[in-house]
Amino acid sequence: MNLGQTSTTTAWARRLFLAALMLGSALVAVTSASAQEVTPPATPIATTPPTDQTAFAEGHARGTQGYVCLPTSTGASWTVNNPRPEATLFTKVLGHDFEIITHFLSPDTDPKAPQPVPFGSATWQSSLDSSVVWAKAVGMDPAGSDGSCPNAGSIPCLLLQSIGSQKGPAGGKLLFQTTFIQRLNTNGGSAPETGCSSANDVGKQVLVPYTADYYFYHQDQ
């Protein structure tokens, strides 16, 4: 093996070791959070889970909300009935952002899911063990209305309730026991004010960047 190959192999080994270290640290951080309460900010009644719930995980999300221009009786407007979320949730590990959860829209495959199952439900999947939770909004706080949702003009803050969950392929259950989710401190993500006003605009789609903090709860044992 020549010197160049040795350097390449050493660099690859170091990256692999760092990745393994960060993964292990992330697993410790998440499992420790399950044992030690996460402390969400104070929230209005509409976005506060029941008193028998405890926050066990949190993540800072960066992603987009998707909208489509649909016809209305007066022309057209960006749909807000089912904006499509796509986001990645991060936590700090050794001073670096580390991915812990992905957020997207998918069919709820839990046999206990409320029927009829919509074509897609808000989904959060653990990046660590692939466990999944599906949820629907049950409470809303307009952005800019209080300290937990301070950025006016952004997508609203939400309280979501689980409508299904699934263990990971190897039995992982980091998100399996999730009962409620809070989306707080939203910034951005609202439908555009322009670009969808006439029949000629119908069918246009747009992805609007947003950030938010998500808190995951389970029922007290």
Foldseek 3Di string as FASTA:
>chain_A
DDPVVVVVVVVVVVVVVVVVVQLVQVVCVQVVLQVPFDDADDDDPQADDDPQKTWRDKFKKKWWWKWFWAADPQFIDTDPPDTWTWIFTFDAGPNDTDTFKIWTWQWAPAPQFDPPTDRTFIKIATPNQRKIWGWDFRGWDAACPDDFRNEHPADIKTKIATRHIGGGPVRHCSPRQWGIKIWTNKDKHDDDPDQHGHPVSGGDMDIMIMMTMMTTIGGHD
